[in-house]
Structure formats: structure tokens, C-alpha cells
N, C-alpha and C. Protein backbone atom coordinates (compact mmCIF):
# COMPACT_ATOMS: atom_id res chain seq x y z
N MET A 1 0.83 -1.18 0.00
CA MET A 1 0.00 0.00 0.00
C MET A 1 0.88 1.25 0.00
N VAL A 2 1.89 1.28 0.84
CA VAL A 2 2.76 2.45 0.92
C VAL A 2 3.56 2.62 -0.36
N ASP A 3 4.07 1.52 -0.91
CA ASP A 3 4.89 1.59 -2.11
C ASP A 3 4.12 2.07 -3.33
N SER A 4 2.84 1.78 -3.41
CA SER A 4 2.06 2.16 -4.58
C SER A 4 1.26 3.45 -4.37
N CYS A 5 1.55 4.18 -3.31
CA CYS A 5 0.85 5.42 -3.00
C CYS A 5 1.15 6.46 -4.07
N GLU A 6 0.11 7.11 -4.58
CA GLU A 6 0.27 8.11 -5.63
C GLU A 6 -0.21 9.49 -5.20
N LEU A 7 -0.21 9.76 -3.92
CA LEU A 7 -0.61 11.07 -3.42
C LEU A 7 0.48 12.09 -3.70
N PRO A 8 0.12 13.37 -3.77
CA PRO A 8 1.14 14.41 -3.83
C PRO A 8 2.07 14.29 -2.61
N ALA A 9 3.29 14.74 -2.76
CA ALA A 9 4.32 14.54 -1.72
C ALA A 9 3.87 15.01 -0.34
N GLU A 10 3.26 16.18 -0.25
CA GLU A 10 2.85 16.72 1.05
C GLU A 10 1.76 15.86 1.70
N ALA A 11 0.78 15.46 0.91
CA ALA A 11 -0.29 14.61 1.44
C ALA A 11 0.24 13.23 1.80
N ASP A 12 1.16 12.72 0.99
CA ASP A 12 1.77 11.42 1.25
C ASP A 12 2.50 11.43 2.59
N ALA A 13 3.29 12.46 2.83
CA ALA A 13 4.04 12.57 4.10
C ALA A 13 3.08 12.67 5.28
N ALA A 14 2.01 13.46 5.13
CA ALA A 14 1.03 13.61 6.22
C ALA A 14 0.33 12.28 6.50
N LEU A 15 -0.02 11.57 5.44
CA LEU A 15 -0.70 10.28 5.62
C LEU A 15 0.21 9.28 6.32
N HIS A 16 1.48 9.27 5.96
CA HIS A 16 2.41 8.32 6.58
C HIS A 16 2.59 8.62 8.07
N LEU A 17 2.58 9.89 8.44
CA LEU A 17 2.65 10.24 9.87
C LEU A 17 1.42 9.73 10.61
N LEU A 18 0.26 9.90 9.98
CA LEU A 18 -0.98 9.41 10.61
C LEU A 18 -0.96 7.89 10.74
N LEU A 19 -0.51 7.21 9.70
CA LEU A 19 -0.44 5.75 9.75
C LEU A 19 0.52 5.29 10.84
N ALA A 20 1.64 5.96 10.98
CA ALA A 20 2.60 5.60 12.04
C ALA A 20 1.97 5.75 13.41
N GLU A 21 1.21 6.82 13.60
CA GLU A 21 0.54 7.05 14.89
C GLU A 21 -0.51 5.96 15.15
N LEU A 22 -1.26 5.59 14.12
CA LEU A 22 -2.27 4.53 14.27
C LEU A 22 -1.61 3.19 14.57
N ILE A 23 -0.52 2.89 13.89
CA ILE A 23 0.18 1.63 14.11
C ILE A 23 0.73 1.58 15.53
N GLU A 24 1.33 2.67 15.98
CA GLU A 24 1.85 2.72 17.34
C GLU A 24 0.72 2.49 18.35
N GLY A 25 -0.41 3.12 18.10
CA GLY A 25 -1.55 2.96 19.00
C GLY A 25 -2.08 1.54 19.02
N THR A 26 -2.24 0.94 17.85
CA THR A 26 -2.77 -0.43 17.81
C THR A 26 -1.79 -1.42 18.42
N ASN A 27 -0.50 -1.20 18.23
CA ASN A 27 0.49 -2.08 18.87
C ASN A 27 0.41 -1.99 20.38
N ALA A 28 0.19 -0.81 20.90
CA ALA A 28 0.11 -0.62 22.35
C ALA A 28 -1.13 -1.26 22.95
N LEU A 29 -2.19 -1.40 22.16
CA LEU A 29 -3.43 -1.98 22.68
C LEU A 29 -3.25 -3.42 23.18
N SER A 30 -2.28 -4.12 22.62
CA SER A 30 -2.09 -5.52 23.02
C SER A 30 -1.35 -5.67 24.35
N GLN A 31 -0.90 -4.56 24.92
CA GLN A 31 -0.18 -4.60 26.20
C GLN A 31 -1.02 -3.88 27.25
N ALA A 32 -1.44 -4.60 28.25
CA ALA A 32 -2.36 -4.06 29.26
C ALA A 32 -1.88 -2.73 29.84
N GLU A 33 -0.60 -2.63 30.13
CA GLU A 33 -0.08 -1.41 30.76
C GLU A 33 0.04 -0.24 29.78
N ARG A 34 -0.14 -0.50 28.48
CA ARG A 34 -0.03 0.57 27.48
C ARG A 34 -1.35 0.84 26.76
N ARG A 35 -2.43 0.18 27.16
CA ARG A 35 -3.71 0.33 26.44
C ARG A 35 -4.21 1.77 26.40
N GLU A 36 -4.17 2.44 27.51
CA GLU A 36 -4.66 3.81 27.54
C GLU A 36 -3.82 4.70 26.62
N ALA A 37 -2.52 4.55 26.65
CA ALA A 37 -1.65 5.32 25.76
C ALA A 37 -1.93 4.97 24.30
N GLY A 38 -2.21 3.70 24.03
CA GLY A 38 -2.55 3.28 22.68
C GLY A 38 -3.81 3.94 22.18
N LEU A 39 -4.83 3.99 23.03
CA LEU A 39 -6.07 4.67 22.66
C LEU A 39 -5.84 6.16 22.41
N GLU A 40 -4.99 6.76 23.21
CA GLU A 40 -4.68 8.18 23.02
C GLU A 40 -4.00 8.41 21.67
N HIS A 41 -3.10 7.52 21.28
CA HIS A 41 -2.44 7.63 19.97
C HIS A 41 -3.47 7.55 18.84
N ILE A 42 -4.40 6.63 18.97
CA ILE A 42 -5.40 6.45 17.92
C ILE A 42 -6.31 7.67 17.84
N VAL A 43 -6.78 8.16 18.96
CA VAL A 43 -7.64 9.35 18.96
C VAL A 43 -6.90 10.55 18.38
N THR A 44 -5.65 10.71 18.77
CA THR A 44 -4.85 11.81 18.25
C THR A 44 -4.69 11.70 16.73
N ALA A 45 -4.43 10.51 16.24
CA ALA A 45 -4.29 10.31 14.80
C ALA A 45 -5.58 10.66 14.07
N LEU A 46 -6.71 10.25 14.62
CA LEU A 46 -7.99 10.55 13.98
C LEU A 46 -8.27 12.05 14.00
N GLN A 47 -7.89 12.72 15.07
CA GLN A 47 -8.05 14.18 15.12
C GLN A 47 -7.14 14.85 14.09
N HIS A 48 -5.92 14.37 13.97
CA HIS A 48 -4.99 14.93 12.99
C HIS A 48 -5.50 14.71 11.57
N TYR A 49 -6.13 13.57 11.33
CA TYR A 49 -6.71 13.31 10.01
C TYR A 49 -7.72 14.40 9.67
N ALA A 50 -8.62 14.66 10.59
CA ALA A 50 -9.66 15.66 10.36
C ALA A 50 -9.06 17.06 10.17
N GLU A 51 -7.96 17.34 10.85
CA GLU A 51 -7.31 18.65 10.73
C GLU A 51 -6.48 18.76 9.45
N THR A 52 -5.96 17.64 8.97
CA THR A 52 -5.00 17.65 7.88
C THR A 52 -5.66 17.52 6.51
N PHE A 53 -6.68 16.68 6.41
CA PHE A 53 -7.31 16.39 5.13
C PHE A 53 -8.70 16.98 5.06
N ASP A 54 -9.03 17.52 3.92
CA ASP A 54 -10.34 18.11 3.68
C ASP A 54 -11.28 17.01 3.16
N GLU A 55 -11.86 16.29 4.10
CA GLU A 55 -12.72 15.18 3.75
C GLU A 55 -14.14 15.51 4.22
N PRO A 56 -15.02 15.87 3.28
CA PRO A 56 -16.36 16.33 3.69
C PRO A 56 -17.21 15.25 4.37
N LEU A 57 -16.92 13.98 4.17
CA LEU A 57 -17.72 12.93 4.79
C LEU A 57 -17.17 12.47 6.12
N TRP A 58 -16.02 13.01 6.54
CA TRP A 58 -15.43 12.63 7.81
C TRP A 58 -16.24 13.21 8.96
N ARG A 59 -16.55 12.39 9.95
CA ARG A 59 -17.31 12.86 11.10
C ARG A 59 -16.62 12.48 12.36
């Protein structure tokens, strides 16, 4: 998916940062002592998505 990405460079870089945040969050969910931090990473990534991309259907 990452290798075949055809977004403009700025959008591509922003998306990769969001994906990294989501991956970090999901990895943390599997560890009881890091679950809350994992959820925070995911929420932050979703907030950044809404701030970064102009997606009219995003809620």
C-alpha cells in the first residue's frame, strides 16, 4: 500500500505520519499497561486526520 501510493508529496508525508501514529496505537493496545496510551495515539491520529485532510464525509 505504501509503495504504490500516488498522493502528492505533502499529502503522502502527512498520511504516513498518521499511519505511524495509528500503528503505534494499535500495537500498544495488546499490552495491558499501554492500552490507555494506545487509545490516546489512535484518537490523536484521527483528530490529525480531520485537521489535515479536507474530507467532507469525515465525522
